């Protein structure tokens, strides 16, 4: 039995943001390291996502796009655009991030998370590098004792933009 295209879009969206077994450069660089998540309304309820999609212009010729590429997948930040437009936006955003990445400063926290969305904050108010280092350390130290479905992750908690002169 073939799955609906809308279901595959939802499954891939949730997977790249929340499935710790998807450890590839793309999901790590463009989603997890940025702290991109899927809102709980959609993450745990495919039918809510499907209803939003059909009420907001979904068609088999379109792909989902985040208006703010640093924002989460949520109704107020998503829309449907053509694949060509989506690829064009991705290239532009990638070039902008290479130029402007040194201007953004933020705070991150390390969480011990479960696939079902529950989490416990291990440490917060860290610079990104320190948070990633702590995440790696905790993962390596506890790799034999972490239950299946649990993982350490880095999440951006606040963002500050510094104006460069």
C-alpha atoms as a PDB file:
ATOM      1  CA  UNK A   1       0.000   0.000   0.000  1.00  0.00           C
ATOM      2  CA  UNK A   2       1.405   3.385  -1.047  1.00  0.00           C
ATOM      3  CA  UNK A   3       1.431   6.170   1.540  1.00  0.00           C
ATOM      4  CA  UNK A   4      -0.011   9.578   0.791  1.00  0.00           C
ATOM      5  CA  UNK A   5       2.524  12.240  -0.226  1.00  0.00           C
ATOM      6  CA  UNK A   6       1.304  14.534   2.575  1.00  0.00           C
ATOM      7  CA  UNK A   7       2.067  11.786   5.119  1.00  0.00           C
ATOM      8  CA  UNK A   8       5.620  11.409   3.772  1.00  0.00           C
ATOM      9  CA  UNK A   9       6.169  15.176   4.016  1.00  0.00           C
ATOM     10  CA  UNK A  10       5.032  15.067   7.660  1.00  0.00           C
ATOM     11  CA  UNK A  11       7.100  11.945   8.469  1.00  0.00           C
ATOM     12  CA  UNK A  12      10.281  13.424   6.978  1.00  0.00           C
ATOM     13  CA  UNK A  13       9.702  16.809   8.651  1.00  0.00           C
ATOM     14  CA  UNK A  14       9.340  15.220  12.103  1.00  0.00           C
ATOM     15  CA  UNK A  15      12.205  12.797  11.475  1.00  0.00           C
ATOM     16  CA  UNK A  16      14.807  15.351  10.424  1.00  0.00           C
ATOM     17  CA  UNK A  17      14.019  17.526  13.457  1.00  0.00           C
ATOM     18  CA  UNK A  18      13.447  14.907  16.172  1.00  0.00           C
ATOM     19  CA  UNK A  19      14.784  11.445  15.258  1.00  0.00           C
ATOM     20  CA  UNK A  20      18.256  11.036  16.818  1.00  0.00           C
ATOM     21  CA  UNK A  21      19.015   8.131  14.487  1.00  0.00           C
ATOM     22  CA  UNK A  22      19.068  10.522  11.520  1.00  0.00           C
ATOM     23  CA  UNK A  23      22.672  11.555  12.086  1.00  0.00           C
ATOM     24  CA  UNK A  24      23.757  12.943   8.755  1.00  0.00           C
ATOM     25  CA  UNK A  25      25.350  16.251   7.839  1.00  0.00           C
ATOM     26  CA  UNK A  26      22.136  17.704   6.404  1.00  0.00           C
ATOM     27  CA  UNK A  27      19.871  17.105   9.411  1.00  0.00           C
ATOM     28  CA  UNK A  28      22.570  18.020  11.901  1.00  0.00           C
ATOM     29  CA  UNK A  29      23.662  21.227  10.147  1.00  0.00           C
ATOM     30  CA  UNK A  30      20.355  22.607   8.933  1.00  0.00           C
ATOM     31  CA  UNK A  31      17.950  21.452  11.641  1.00  0.00           C
ATOM     32  CA  UNK A  32      19.366  20.133  14.937  1.00  0.00           C
ATOM     33  CA  UNK A  33      22.269  22.573  15.307  1.00  0.00           C
ATOM     34  CA  UNK A  34      19.850  25.435  14.698  1.00  0.00           C
ATOM     35  CA  UNK A  35      17.378  24.017  17.221  1.00  0.00           C
ATOM     36  CA  UNK A  36      14.631  23.651  14.569  1.00  0.00           C
ATOM     37  CA  UNK A  37      11.664  21.651  15.858  1.00  0.00           C
ATOM     38  CA  UNK A  38       8.132  20.742  14.825  1.00  0.00           C
ATOM     39  CA  UNK A  39       5.396  22.241  16.996  1.00  0.00           C
ATOM     40  CA  UNK A  40       3.718  19.710  19.301  1.00  0.00           C
ATOM     41  CA  UNK A  41       0.372  20.166  17.544  1.00  0.00           C
ATOM     42  CA  UNK A  42       1.866  18.748  14.325  1.00  0.00           C
ATOM     43  CA  UNK A  43       4.572  16.521  15.766  1.00  0.00           C
ATOM     44  CA  UNK A  44       2.160  14.276  17.617  1.00  0.00           C
ATOM     45  CA  UNK A  45      -0.882  14.617  15.364  1.00  0.00           C
ATOM     46  CA  UNK A  46      -0.559  13.928  11.641  1.00  0.00           C
ATOM     47  CA  UNK A  47      -4.244  14.727  11.102  1.00  0.00           C
ATOM     48  CA  UNK A  48      -3.805  18.242  12.535  1.00  0.00           C
ATOM     49  CA  UNK A  49      -0.918  18.806  10.103  1.00  0.00           C
ATOM     50  CA  UNK A  50      -2.929  17.398   7.202  1.00  0.00           C
ATOM     51  CA  UNK A  51      -5.904  19.629   8.018  1.00  0.00           C
ATOM     52  CA  UNK A  52      -3.645  22.705   8.169  1.00  0.00           C
ATOM     53  CA  UNK A  53      -2.000  21.711   4.878  1.00  0.00           C
ATOM     54  CA  UNK A  54      -5.250  21.365   2.940  1.00  0.00           C
ATOM     55  CA  UNK A  55      -6.607  24.607   4.418  1.00  0.00           C
ATOM     56  CA  UNK A  56      -3.433  26.470   3.414  1.00  0.00           C
ATOM     57  CA  UNK A  57      -2.921  25.620  -0.238  1.00  0.00           C
ATOM     58  CA  UNK A  58      -1.333  22.155  -0.241  1.00  0.00           C
ATOM     59  CA  UNK A  59      -1.027  20.458  -3.622  1.00  0.00           C
ATOM     60  CA  UNK A  60       1.091  17.557  -4.867  1.00  0.00           C
ATOM     61  CA  UNK A  61       3.106  20.096  -6.872  1.00  0.00           C
ATOM     62  CA  UNK A  62       4.225  22.073  -3.805  1.00  0.00           C
ATOM     63  CA  UNK A  63       6.660  21.562  -0.925  1.00  0.00           C
ATOM     64  CA  UNK A  64       6.582  22.863   2.619  1.00  0.00           C
ATOM     65  CA  UNK A  65       8.688  25.937   3.378  1.00  0.00           C
ATOM     66  CA  UNK A  66       9.527  27.788   6.581  1.00  0.00           C
ATOM     67  CA  UNK A  67       9.067  31.539   6.037  1.00  0.00           C
ATOM     68  CA  UNK A  68      11.811  32.244   8.592  1.00  0.00           C
ATOM     69  CA  UNK A  69      14.464  29.620   7.824  1.00  0.00           C
ATOM     70  CA  UNK A  70      15.676  29.812  11.434  1.00  0.00           C
ATOM     71  CA  UNK A  71      12.157  29.329  12.791  1.00  0.00           C
ATOM     72  CA  UNK A  72      10.329  26.131  13.666  1.00  0.00           C
ATOM     73  CA  UNK A  73       7.807  24.136  11.696  1.00  0.00           C
ATOM     74  CA  UNK A  74       4.556  25.641  12.978  1.00  0.00           C
ATOM     75  CA  UNK A  75       1.401  27.042  11.351  1.00  0.00           C
ATOM     76  CA  UNK A  76       2.501  30.687  11.606  1.00  0.00           C
ATOM     77  CA  UNK A  77       5.904  29.988   9.975  1.00  0.00           C
ATOM     78  CA  UNK A  78       5.040  27.550   7.166  1.00  0.00           C
ATOM     79  CA  UNK A  79       3.635  27.791   3.677  1.00  0.00           C
ATOM     80  CA  UNK A  80       3.506  25.788   0.435  1.00  0.00           C
ATOM     81  CA  UNK A  81       5.780  26.790  -2.472  1.00  0.00           C
ATOM     82  CA  UNK A  82       7.120  25.092  -5.590  1.00  0.00           C
ATOM     83  CA  UNK A  83      10.214  22.924  -5.325  1.00  0.00           C
ATOM     84  CA  UNK A  84      12.047  25.351  -7.624  1.00  0.00           C
ATOM     85  CA  UNK A  85      11.240  28.287  -5.297  1.00  0.00           C
ATOM     86  CA  UNK A  86      12.264  26.218  -2.265  1.00  0.00           C
ATOM     87  CA  UNK A  87      15.648  25.326  -3.774  1.00  0.00           C
ATOM     88  CA  UNK A  88      16.239  28.937  -4.766  1.00  0.00           C
ATOM     89  CA  UNK A  89      15.448  30.118  -1.211  1.00  0.00           C
ATOM     90  CA  UNK A  90      17.778  27.475   0.242  1.00  0.00           C
ATOM     91  CA  UNK A  91      20.695  28.699  -1.880  1.00  0.00           C
ATOM     92  CA  UNK A  92      20.043  32.351  -0.961  1.00  0.00           C
ATOM     93  CA  UNK A  93      19.720  31.565   2.766  1.00  0.00           C
ATOM     94  CA  UNK A  94      22.884  29.474   2.690  1.00  0.00           C
ATOM     95  CA  UNK A  95      24.872  32.345   1.125  1.00  0.00           C
ATOM     96  CA  UNK A  96      23.421  34.832   3.641  1.00  0.00           C
ATOM     97  CA  UNK A  97      24.261  32.589   6.592  1.00  0.00           C
ATOM     98  CA  UNK A  98      27.869  32.274   5.432  1.00  0.00           C
ATOM     99  CA  UNK A  99      28.192  36.072   5.393  1.00  0.00           C
ATOM    100  CA  UNK A 100      26.183  36.882   8.536  1.00  0.00           C
ATOM    101  CA  UNK A 101      26.822  33.894  10.815  1.00  0.00           C
ATOM    102  CA  UNK A 102      29.526  35.747  12.756  1.00  0.00           C
ATOM    103  CA  UNK A 103      27.009  38.467  13.693  1.00  0.00           C
ATOM    104  CA  UNK A 104      24.605  36.234  15.635  1.00  0.00           C
ATOM    105  CA  UNK A 105      25.099  35.357  19.247  1.00  0.00           C
ATOM    106  CA  UNK A 106      22.788  33.089  21.171  1.00  0.00           C
ATOM    107  CA  UNK A 107      22.316  30.985  24.256  1.00  0.00           C
ATOM    108  CA  UNK A 108      21.779  27.249  24.146  1.00  0.00           C
ATOM    109  CA  UNK A 109      20.848  24.506  26.536  1.00  0.00           C
ATOM    110  CA  UNK A 110      21.659  20.818  26.630  1.00  0.00           C
ATOM    111  CA  UNK A 111      18.640  18.576  27.111  1.00  0.00           C
ATOM    112  CA  UNK A 112      18.220  14.901  27.874  1.00  0.00           C
ATOM    113  CA  UNK A 113      15.287  14.176  25.585  1.00  0.00           C
ATOM    114  CA  UNK A 114      12.967  11.357  24.669  1.00  0.00           C
ATOM    115  CA  UNK A 115      11.617  10.746  21.190  1.00  0.00           C
ATOM    116  CA  UNK A 116       8.089  11.352  22.528  1.00  0.00           C
ATOM    117  CA  UNK A 117       8.991  14.994  23.258  1.00  0.00           C
ATOM    118  CA  UNK A 118       9.631  14.874  27.001  1.00  0.00           C
ATOM    119  CA  UNK A 119      12.921  16.373  28.123  1.00  0.00           C
ATOM    120  CA  UNK A 120      14.972  17.481  31.106  1.00  0.00           C
ATOM    121  CA  UNK A 121      17.347  20.439  30.885  1.00  0.00           C
ATOM    122  CA  UNK A 122      20.855  19.388  31.871  1.00  0.00           C
ATOM    123  CA  UNK A 123      22.490  22.812  31.598  1.00  0.00           C
ATOM    124  CA  UNK A 124      21.386  26.125  30.087  1.00  0.00           C
ATOM    125  CA  UNK A 125      22.697  29.572  29.109  1.00  0.00           C
ATOM    126  CA  UNK A 126      25.669  28.126  27.217  1.00  0.00           C
ATOM    127  CA  UNK A 127      27.418  29.382  24.110  1.00  0.00           C
ATOM    128  CA  UNK A 128      26.902  27.042  21.163  1.00  0.00           C
ATOM    129  CA  UNK A 129      30.418  25.578  21.195  1.00  0.00           C
ATOM    130  CA  UNK A 130      30.217  24.819  24.930  1.00  0.00           C
ATOM    131  CA  UNK A 131      26.781  23.244  24.567  1.00  0.00           C
ATOM    132  CA  UNK A 132      27.947  20.945  21.719  1.00  0.00           C
ATOM    133  CA  UNK A 133      31.036  19.980  23.714  1.00  0.00           C
ATOM    134  CA  UNK A 134      28.894  19.094  26.764  1.00  0.00           C
ATOM    135  CA  UNK A 135      26.475  17.136  24.557  1.00  0.00           C
ATOM    136  CA  UNK A 136      29.342  15.067  23.072  1.00  0.00           C
ATOM    137  CA  UNK A 137      30.855  14.468  26.508  1.00  0.00           C
ATOM    138  CA  UNK A 138      27.565  13.313  28.052  1.00  0.00           C
ATOM    139  CA  UNK A 139      26.724  11.108  25.070  1.00  0.00           C
ATOM    140  CA  UNK A 140      30.139   9.420  25.174  1.00  0.00           C
ATOM    141  CA  UNK A 141      30.168   9.000  28.966  1.00  0.00           C
ATOM    142  CA  UNK A 142      26.653   7.551  29.094  1.00  0.00           C
ATOM    143  CA  UNK A 143      26.395   5.724  25.763  1.00  0.00           C
ATOM    144  CA  UNK A 144      25.984   2.307  27.435  1.00  0.00           C
ATOM    145  CA  UNK A 145      23.400   3.477  29.972  1.00  0.00           C
ATOM    146  CA  UNK A 146      21.123   5.662  27.800  1.00  0.00           C
ATOM    147  CA  UNK A 147      17.788   3.863  27.272  1.00  0.00           C
ATOM    148  CA  UNK A 148      16.535   3.364  23.736  1.00  0.00           C
ATOM    149  CA  UNK A 149      14.560   6.393  22.556  1.00  0.00           C
ATOM    150  CA  UNK A 150      16.534   8.894  24.671  1.00  0.00           C
ATOM    151  CA  UNK A 151      19.332  11.227  23.576  1.00  0.00           C
ATOM    152  CA  UNK A 152      21.188  14.424  24.482  1.00  0.00           C
ATOM    153  CA  UNK A 153      20.488  17.435  22.254  1.00  0.00           C
ATOM    154  CA  UNK A 154      21.421  21.104  21.961  1.00  0.00           C
ATOM    155  CA  UNK A 155      18.560  23.608  21.673  1.00  0.00           C
ATOM    156  CA  UNK A 156      18.774  27.343  21.041  1.00  0.00           C
ATOM    157  CA  UNK A 157      16.926  29.192  23.799  1.00  0.00           C
ATOM    158  CA  UNK A 158      17.527  32.841  22.953  1.00  0.00           C
ATOM    159  CA  UNK A 159      18.969  34.788  20.060  1.00  0.00           C
ATOM    160  CA  UNK A 160      20.636  38.171  20.043  1.00  0.00           C
ATOM    161  CA  UNK A 161      21.745  40.017  16.934  1.00  0.00           C
ATOM    162  CA  UNK A 162      24.779  42.218  17.207  1.00  0.00           C
ATOM    163  CA  UNK A 163      24.896  45.167  14.806  1.00  0.00           C
ATOM    164  CA  UNK A 164      28.229  45.261  13.020  1.00  0.00           C
ATOM    165  CA  UNK A 165      29.566  48.652  11.915  1.00  0.00           C
END
